[in-house]
Amino acid sequence: MTIAERLRDDRGALSLEAVILFPVLILVLLLVIAFGRIGSADNAVDTAARNAARAASLERTGGAASSAGSAMARSVLSQQGLQCTSTSISVSTGGFAAPIGEPASTTATVTCVVNLSDIGLPGLPGSKTLTSSFTSSIDSYRQRG
């Protein structure tokens, strides 16, 4: 068999390989996009919970702590550019009822539902719920109201 005959037998092989590999490469790309979006959103939710708990712990009353924590979490999610389908923010303020001198803490929990339906990957759920909690200490000797 000569080189010319061998090359003639391989005619169309590259097109066939491209047809087989192209969908696989697209699926891998879509998976990378989905995991990147989930990872970025998870980081933003963690940061929002951490900052919300810290902001709440700096307040003097439970009501002010709840407002400050919720506002901080919404601000962080907005700054991070995270578009949640639904958002839930809760700040526990029971630590503000503890007497001065006793250790107390406040916990912020942030839940965000991230939309994944626009990626269009078969088998991928339409959304992913991400939840993060963070606890911050309240100054034991600070006036509480």
N, C-alpha and C. Protein backbone atom coordinates (compact mmCIF):
# COMPACT_ATOMS: atom_id res chain seq x y z
N MET A 1 0.85 -1.17 0.00
CA MET A 1 0.00 0.00 0.00
C MET A 1 0.90 1.23 0.00
N THR A 2 0.63 2.13 -0.92
CA THR A 2 1.45 3.34 -1.03
C THR A 2 0.91 4.41 -0.09
N ILE A 3 1.69 5.48 0.06
CA ILE A 3 1.28 6.59 0.94
C ILE A 3 0.01 7.24 0.40
N ALA A 4 -0.11 7.38 -0.88
CA ALA A 4 -1.30 8.00 -1.48
C ALA A 4 -2.55 7.18 -1.16
N GLU A 5 -2.43 5.85 -1.23
CA GLU A 5 -3.59 5.00 -0.91
C GLU A 5 -3.95 5.10 0.56
N ARG A 6 -2.94 5.16 1.41
CA ARG A 6 -3.18 5.25 2.85
C ARG A 6 -3.87 6.58 3.19
N LEU A 7 -3.43 7.68 2.59
CA LEU A 7 -4.06 8.98 2.83
C LEU A 7 -5.49 9.01 2.31
N ARG A 8 -5.73 8.34 1.20
CA ARG A 8 -7.07 8.30 0.64
C ARG A 8 -8.01 7.53 1.57
N ASP A 9 -7.52 6.52 2.25
CA ASP A 9 -8.35 5.74 3.18
C ASP A 9 -8.71 6.55 4.42
N ASP A 10 -7.88 7.52 4.81
CA ASP A 10 -8.13 8.35 5.99
C ASP A 10 -9.01 9.56 5.71
N ARG A 11 -9.42 9.71 4.48
CA ARG A 11 -10.22 10.87 4.10
C ARG A 11 -11.52 10.89 4.92
N GLY A 12 -11.81 12.05 5.55
CA GLY A 12 -13.03 12.20 6.35
C GLY A 12 -12.85 11.84 7.82
N ALA A 13 -11.70 11.29 8.20
CA ALA A 13 -11.49 10.89 9.59
C ALA A 13 -11.47 12.10 10.52
N LEU A 14 -10.87 13.19 10.07
CA LEU A 14 -10.81 14.39 10.90
C LEU A 14 -12.20 14.97 11.12
N SER A 15 -13.02 14.97 10.12
CA SER A 15 -14.39 15.47 10.26
C SER A 15 -15.17 14.61 11.24
N LEU A 16 -14.99 13.31 11.17
CA LEU A 16 -15.68 12.40 12.08
C LEU A 16 -15.22 12.64 13.52
N GLU A 17 -13.93 12.82 13.72
CA GLU A 17 -13.41 13.08 15.07
C GLU A 17 -13.98 14.39 15.61
N ALA A 18 -14.05 15.41 14.77
CA ALA A 18 -14.59 16.70 15.20
C ALA A 18 -16.07 16.57 15.58
N VAL A 19 -16.83 15.81 14.81
CA VAL A 19 -18.25 15.63 15.10
C VAL A 19 -18.44 14.90 16.43
N ILE A 20 -17.55 13.99 16.75
CA ILE A 20 -17.65 13.24 18.01
C ILE A 20 -17.17 14.08 19.18
N LEU A 21 -16.07 14.80 19.02
CA LEU A 21 -15.48 15.54 20.13
C LEU A 21 -16.17 16.87 20.44
N PHE A 22 -16.75 17.51 19.44
CA PHE A 22 -17.36 18.83 19.66
C PHE A 22 -18.44 18.82 20.74
N PRO A 23 -19.41 17.91 20.72
CA PRO A 23 -20.42 17.89 21.79
C PRO A 23 -19.82 17.61 23.17
N VAL A 24 -18.80 16.77 23.21
CA VAL A 24 -18.15 16.47 24.49
C VAL A 24 -17.48 17.73 25.04
N LEU A 25 -16.81 18.47 24.17
CA LEU A 25 -16.16 19.71 24.60
C LEU A 25 -17.18 20.74 25.07
N ILE A 26 -18.31 20.82 24.40
CA ILE A 26 -19.37 21.74 24.82
C ILE A 26 -19.90 21.35 26.19
N LEU A 27 -20.12 20.06 26.43
CA LEU A 27 -20.60 19.60 27.74
C LEU A 27 -19.60 19.92 28.84
N VAL A 28 -18.32 19.72 28.57
CA VAL A 28 -17.28 20.04 29.55
C VAL A 28 -17.28 21.54 29.84
N LEU A 29 -17.41 22.35 28.81
CA LEU A 29 -17.45 23.80 29.00
C LEU A 29 -18.66 24.21 29.84
N LEU A 30 -19.81 23.64 29.58
CA LEU A 30 -21.01 23.95 30.36
C LEU A 30 -20.86 23.51 31.81
N LEU A 31 -20.21 22.37 32.04
CA LEU A 31 -19.95 21.93 33.41
C LEU A 31 -19.04 22.90 34.15
N VAL A 32 -18.01 23.37 33.47
CA VAL A 32 -17.09 24.34 34.08
C VAL A 32 -17.85 25.62 34.44
N ILE A 33 -18.72 26.08 33.56
CA ILE A 33 -19.51 27.28 33.83
C ILE A 33 -20.43 27.05 35.04
N ALA A 34 -21.09 25.90 35.09
CA ALA A 34 -22.00 25.60 36.20
C ALA A 34 -21.25 25.53 37.52
N PHE A 35 -20.13 24.80 37.56
CA PHE A 35 -19.37 24.69 38.80
C PHE A 35 -18.76 26.03 39.20
N GLY A 36 -18.37 26.83 38.23
CA GLY A 36 -17.84 28.16 38.52
C GLY A 36 -18.90 29.06 39.13
N ARG A 37 -20.11 29.00 38.58
CA ARG A 37 -21.20 29.81 39.12
C ARG A 37 -21.56 29.37 40.54
N ILE A 38 -21.60 28.07 40.78
CA ILE A 38 -21.93 27.57 42.11
C ILE A 38 -20.83 27.95 43.10
N GLY A 39 -19.57 27.79 42.71
CA GLY A 39 -18.46 28.14 43.60
C GLY A 39 -18.43 29.61 43.93
N SER A 40 -18.65 30.45 42.94
CA SER A 40 -18.67 31.90 43.16
C SER A 40 -19.83 32.29 44.07
N ALA A 41 -20.99 31.71 43.84
CA ALA A 41 -22.16 32.01 44.66
C ALA A 41 -21.96 31.52 46.09
N ASP A 42 -21.35 30.36 46.26
CA ASP A 42 -21.09 29.83 47.60
C ASP A 42 -20.16 30.75 48.37
N ASN A 43 -19.14 31.26 47.70
CA ASN A 43 -18.21 32.19 48.33
C ASN A 43 -18.93 33.48 48.72
N ALA A 44 -19.80 33.99 47.87
CA ALA A 44 -20.53 35.22 48.16
C ALA A 44 -21.48 35.02 49.35
N VAL A 45 -22.14 33.87 49.42
CA VAL A 45 -23.05 33.59 50.53
C VAL A 45 -22.27 33.47 51.84
N ASP A 46 -21.11 32.81 51.82
CA ASP A 46 -20.25 32.73 53.01
C ASP A 46 -19.83 34.11 53.48
N THR A 47 -19.40 34.94 52.55
CA THR A 47 -18.96 36.29 52.89
C THR A 47 -20.12 37.11 53.46
N ALA A 48 -21.29 36.97 52.88
CA ALA A 48 -22.46 37.70 53.37
C ALA A 48 -22.81 37.28 54.79
N ALA A 49 -22.79 35.99 55.08
CA ALA A 49 -23.10 35.51 56.43
C ALA A 49 -22.06 35.99 57.44
N ARG A 50 -20.80 35.94 57.07
CA ARG A 50 -19.73 36.38 57.96
C ARG A 50 -19.87 37.88 58.28
N ASN A 51 -20.06 38.69 57.25
CA ASN A 51 -20.18 40.13 57.46
C ASN A 51 -21.46 40.50 58.20
N ALA A 52 -22.54 39.77 57.94
CA ALA A 52 -23.80 40.03 58.64
C ALA A 52 -23.68 39.74 60.13
N ALA A 53 -23.05 38.63 60.48
CA ALA A 53 -22.87 38.29 61.90
C ALA A 53 -21.98 39.32 62.59
N ARG A 54 -20.94 39.74 61.90
CA ARG A 54 -20.04 40.74 62.49
C ARG A 54 -20.76 42.07 62.68
N ALA A 55 -21.51 42.50 61.68
CA ALA A 55 -22.25 43.77 61.80
C ALA A 55 -23.28 43.69 62.92
N ALA A 56 -23.95 42.56 63.06
CA ALA A 56 -24.95 42.40 64.12
C ALA A 56 -24.29 42.42 65.50
N SER A 57 -23.12 41.83 65.63
CA SER A 57 -22.46 41.76 66.94
C SER A 57 -21.99 43.13 67.43
N LEU A 58 -21.87 44.09 66.54
CA LEU A 58 -21.42 45.43 66.93
C LEU A 58 -22.55 46.32 67.43
N GLU A 59 -23.79 45.89 67.27
CA GLU A 59 -24.93 46.69 67.70
C GLU A 59 -25.19 46.48 69.19
N ARG A 60 -26.06 47.36 69.75
CA ARG A 60 -26.35 47.30 71.19
C ARG A 60 -27.68 46.62 71.52
N THR A 61 -28.59 46.54 70.55
CA THR A 61 -29.89 45.91 70.80
C THR A 61 -30.16 44.82 69.77
N GLY A 62 -31.05 43.93 70.13
CA GLY A 62 -31.40 42.85 69.22
C GLY A 62 -32.04 43.34 67.94
N GLY A 63 -32.93 44.33 68.05
CA GLY A 63 -33.59 44.87 66.86
C GLY A 63 -32.60 45.54 65.91
N ALA A 64 -31.69 46.33 66.49
CA ALA A 64 -30.67 46.99 65.66
C ALA A 64 -29.74 45.96 65.04
N ALA A 65 -29.44 44.90 65.80
CA ALA A 65 -28.56 43.85 65.30
C ALA A 65 -29.19 43.13 64.12
N SER A 66 -30.47 42.83 64.23
CA SER A 66 -31.17 42.14 63.15
C SER A 66 -31.20 43.01 61.89
N SER A 67 -31.50 44.29 62.06
CA SER A 67 -31.54 45.20 60.91
C SER A 67 -30.17 45.37 60.28
N ALA A 68 -29.15 45.57 61.12
CA ALA A 68 -27.79 45.78 60.60
C ALA A 68 -27.27 44.53 59.90
N GLY A 69 -27.54 43.36 60.47
CA GLY A 69 -27.09 42.11 59.86
C GLY A 69 -27.75 41.86 58.52
N SER A 70 -29.06 42.07 58.46
CA SER A 70 -29.79 41.87 57.20
C SER A 70 -29.32 42.85 56.13
N ALA A 71 -29.15 44.11 56.52
CA ALA A 71 -28.69 45.12 55.56
C ALA A 71 -27.30 44.80 55.04
N MET A 72 -26.43 44.35 55.94
CA MET A 72 -25.06 44.01 55.53
C MET A 72 -25.06 42.82 54.57
N ALA A 73 -25.84 41.80 54.86
CA ALA A 73 -25.89 40.62 53.99
C ALA A 73 -26.40 41.01 52.60
N ARG A 74 -27.45 41.81 52.54
CA ARG A 74 -27.97 42.24 51.23
C ARG A 74 -26.94 43.08 50.48
N SER A 75 -26.24 43.92 51.22
CA SER A 75 -25.21 44.76 50.60
C SER A 75 -24.08 43.91 50.01
N VAL A 76 -23.63 42.92 50.76
CA VAL A 76 -22.55 42.05 50.28
C VAL A 76 -22.99 41.26 49.06
N LEU A 77 -24.19 40.70 49.09
CA LEU A 77 -24.69 39.94 47.94
C LEU A 77 -24.78 40.83 46.71
N SER A 78 -25.19 42.07 46.92
CA SER A 78 -25.28 43.02 45.81
C SER A 78 -23.89 43.38 45.28
N GLN A 79 -22.95 43.64 46.19
CA GLN A 79 -21.58 43.98 45.78
C GLN A 79 -20.92 42.83 45.03
N GLN A 80 -21.22 41.61 45.42
CA GLN A 80 -20.64 40.44 44.77
C GLN A 80 -21.30 40.16 43.42
N GLY A 81 -22.39 40.85 43.14
CA GLY A 81 -23.08 40.67 41.86
C GLY A 81 -23.88 39.38 41.78
N LEU A 82 -24.24 38.84 42.93
CA LEU A 82 -24.97 37.57 42.96
C LEU A 82 -26.47 37.83 42.78
N GLN A 83 -27.05 37.19 41.79
CA GLN A 83 -28.47 37.30 41.52
C GLN A 83 -29.16 36.04 42.05
N CYS A 84 -29.76 36.15 43.21
CA CYS A 84 -30.46 35.01 43.81
C CYS A 84 -31.91 35.00 43.35
N THR A 85 -32.43 33.81 43.06
CA THR A 85 -33.84 33.68 42.74
C THR A 85 -34.67 34.04 43.96
N SER A 86 -34.24 33.56 45.12
CA SER A 86 -34.84 33.96 46.39
C SER A 86 -33.74 34.00 47.44
N THR A 87 -33.91 34.91 48.39
CA THR A 87 -32.90 35.11 49.43
C THR A 87 -33.59 35.09 50.78
N SER A 88 -32.95 34.44 51.75
CA SER A 88 -33.45 34.43 53.12
C SER A 88 -32.28 34.79 54.04
N ILE A 89 -32.50 35.77 54.90
CA ILE A 89 -31.47 36.19 55.85
C ILE A 89 -32.09 36.19 57.23
N SER A 90 -31.46 35.47 58.14
CA SER A 90 -31.95 35.49 59.53
C SER A 90 -30.77 35.75 60.45
N VAL A 91 -31.03 36.57 61.46
CA VAL A 91 -30.00 36.92 62.44
C VAL A 91 -30.57 36.58 63.81
N SER A 92 -29.91 35.68 64.53
CA SER A 92 -30.36 35.34 65.88
C SER A 92 -29.87 36.41 66.84
N THR A 93 -30.77 36.91 67.65
CA THR A 93 -30.42 38.01 68.55
C THR A 93 -30.59 37.64 70.02
N GLY A 94 -30.72 36.37 70.32
CA GLY A 94 -30.91 35.93 71.70
C GLY A 94 -29.76 36.29 72.61
N GLY A 95 -28.56 36.43 72.06
CA GLY A 95 -27.39 36.77 72.87
C GLY A 95 -27.47 38.15 73.48
N PHE A 96 -28.29 39.02 72.91
CA PHE A 96 -28.39 40.38 73.45
C PHE A 96 -29.18 40.42 74.75
N ALA A 97 -29.87 39.33 75.09
CA ALA A 97 -30.61 39.25 76.35
C ALA A 97 -29.72 38.77 77.49
N ALA A 98 -28.52 38.30 77.19
CA ALA A 98 -27.62 37.80 78.23
C ALA A 98 -27.13 38.97 79.08
N PRO A 99 -26.95 38.74 80.38
CA PRO A 99 -26.46 39.81 81.25
C PRO A 99 -25.03 40.22 80.87
N ILE A 100 -24.70 41.46 81.19
CA ILE A 100 -23.35 41.96 80.93
C ILE A 100 -22.37 41.11 81.73
N GLY A 101 -21.27 40.77 81.11
CA GLY A 101 -20.25 39.95 81.75
C GLY A 101 -20.30 38.49 81.33
N GLU A 102 -21.43 38.06 80.80
CA GLU A 102 -21.55 36.69 80.33
C GLU A 102 -21.27 36.63 78.83
N PRO A 103 -20.58 35.60 78.37
CA PRO A 103 -20.32 35.47 76.93
C PRO A 103 -21.63 35.29 76.17
N ALA A 104 -21.70 35.94 75.03
CA ALA A 104 -22.89 35.83 74.18
C ALA A 104 -22.45 35.92 72.73
N SER A 105 -23.34 35.48 71.86
CA SER A 105 -23.00 35.52 70.43
C SER A 105 -24.27 35.74 69.62
N THR A 106 -24.06 36.07 68.37
CA THR A 106 -25.15 36.21 67.42
C THR A 106 -24.78 35.42 66.16
N THR A 107 -25.76 34.82 65.55
CA THR A 107 -25.51 33.99 64.36
C THR A 107 -26.35 34.52 63.20
N ALA A 108 -25.69 34.67 62.07
CA ALA A 108 -26.38 35.08 60.84
C ALA A 108 -26.42 33.89 59.89
N THR A 109 -27.57 33.64 59.32
CA THR A 109 -27.73 32.57 58.33
C THR A 109 -28.26 33.19 57.04
N VAL A 110 -27.55 32.93 55.96
CA VAL A 110 -27.93 33.46 54.65
C VAL A 110 -28.21 32.29 53.72
N THR A 111 -29.37 32.31 53.08
CA THR A 111 -29.74 31.28 52.11
C THR A 111 -30.04 31.95 50.78
N CYS A 112 -29.47 31.40 49.72
CA CYS A 112 -29.64 31.96 48.38
C CYS A 112 -29.93 30.82 47.41
N VAL A 113 -30.94 30.99 46.59
CA VAL A 113 -31.25 30.01 45.55
C VAL A 113 -30.67 30.55 44.24
N VAL A 114 -29.68 29.84 43.70
CA VAL A 114 -28.99 30.28 42.49
C VAL A 114 -29.63 29.61 41.28
N ASN A 115 -29.94 30.39 40.28
CA ASN A 115 -30.56 29.89 39.05
C ASN A 115 -29.50 29.24 38.16
N LEU A 116 -29.74 28.00 37.75
CA LEU A 116 -28.85 27.29 36.83
C LEU A 116 -29.56 26.88 35.54
N SER A 117 -30.84 27.23 35.43
CA SER A 117 -31.61 26.76 34.27
C SER A 117 -31.14 27.38 32.96
N ASP A 118 -30.48 28.54 33.02
CA ASP A 118 -30.04 29.18 31.78
C ASP A 118 -28.79 28.53 31.19
N ILE A 119 -28.16 27.64 31.93
CA ILE A 119 -26.97 26.95 31.41
C ILE A 119 -27.39 25.88 30.40
N GLY A 120 -28.51 25.24 30.63
CA GLY A 120 -29.06 24.29 29.66
C GLY A 120 -28.30 22.98 29.57
N LEU A 121 -27.73 22.54 30.65
CA LEU A 121 -26.99 21.28 30.67
C LEU A 121 -27.95 20.16 31.08
N PRO A 122 -28.09 19.12 30.26
CA PRO A 122 -28.99 18.01 30.61
C PRO A 122 -28.56 17.36 31.93
N GLY A 123 -29.54 17.12 32.79
CA GLY A 123 -29.27 16.48 34.07
C GLY A 123 -28.92 17.46 35.17
N LEU A 124 -28.70 18.72 34.85
CA LEU A 124 -28.37 19.73 35.85
C LEU A 124 -29.68 20.29 36.40
N PRO A 125 -29.80 20.40 37.74
CA PRO A 125 -31.05 20.95 38.28
C PRO A 125 -31.21 22.41 37.87
N GLY A 126 -32.43 22.89 37.90
CA GLY A 126 -32.71 24.26 37.50
C GLY A 126 -32.19 25.30 38.47
N SER A 127 -31.98 24.89 39.73
CA SER A 127 -31.47 25.82 40.73
C SER A 127 -30.72 25.06 41.81
N LYS A 128 -29.93 25.78 42.56
CA LYS A 128 -29.15 25.19 43.66
C LYS A 128 -29.32 26.10 44.87
N THR A 129 -29.68 25.53 46.01
CA THR A 129 -29.84 26.29 47.24
C THR A 129 -28.54 26.25 48.03
N LEU A 130 -28.03 27.43 48.34
CA LEU A 130 -26.79 27.56 49.10
C LEU A 130 -27.11 28.23 50.43
N THR A 131 -26.61 27.66 51.52
CA THR A 131 -26.85 28.20 52.85
C THR A 131 -25.53 28.29 53.59
N SER A 132 -25.35 29.39 54.30
CA SER A 132 -24.15 29.57 55.11
C SER A 132 -24.52 30.26 56.41
N SER A 133 -23.90 29.83 57.50
CA SER A 133 -24.11 30.45 58.81
C SER A 133 -22.76 30.84 59.39
N PHE A 134 -22.78 31.91 60.15
CA PHE A 134 -21.56 32.35 60.82
C PHE A 134 -21.96 32.93 62.17
N THR A 135 -21.17 32.63 63.19
CA THR A 135 -21.42 33.11 64.54
C THR A 135 -20.33 34.08 64.94
N SER A 136 -20.74 35.20 65.52
CA SER A 136 -19.80 36.21 65.97
C SER A 136 -20.09 36.52 67.44
N SER A 137 -19.03 36.68 68.20
CA SER A 137 -19.17 36.97 69.63
C SER A 137 -19.62 38.40 69.85
N ILE A 138 -20.44 38.58 70.88
CA ILE A 138 -20.85 39.91 71.32
C ILE A 138 -19.94 40.28 72.48
N ASP A 139 -19.47 41.50 72.50
CA ASP A 139 -18.59 41.96 73.58
C ASP A 139 -19.28 41.74 74.92
N SER A 140 -18.64 40.98 75.80
CA SER A 140 -19.24 40.60 77.08
C SER A 140 -19.48 41.79 78.00
N TYR A 141 -18.68 42.83 77.88
CA TYR A 141 -18.75 43.95 78.82
C TYR A 141 -19.32 45.22 78.18
N ARG A 142 -19.92 45.08 77.04
CA ARG A 142 -20.53 46.22 76.37
C ARG A 142 -21.99 46.33 76.78
N GLN A 143 -22.46 47.56 76.95
CA GLN A 143 -23.85 47.81 77.32
C GLN A 143 -24.78 47.23 76.26
N ARG A 144 -25.79 46.49 76.71
CA ARG A 144 -26.79 45.93 75.80
C ARG A 144 -28.15 46.44 76.23
N GLY A 145 -29.01 46.64 75.25
CA GLY A 145 -30.31 47.19 75.62
C GLY A 145 -31.44 46.39 75.21
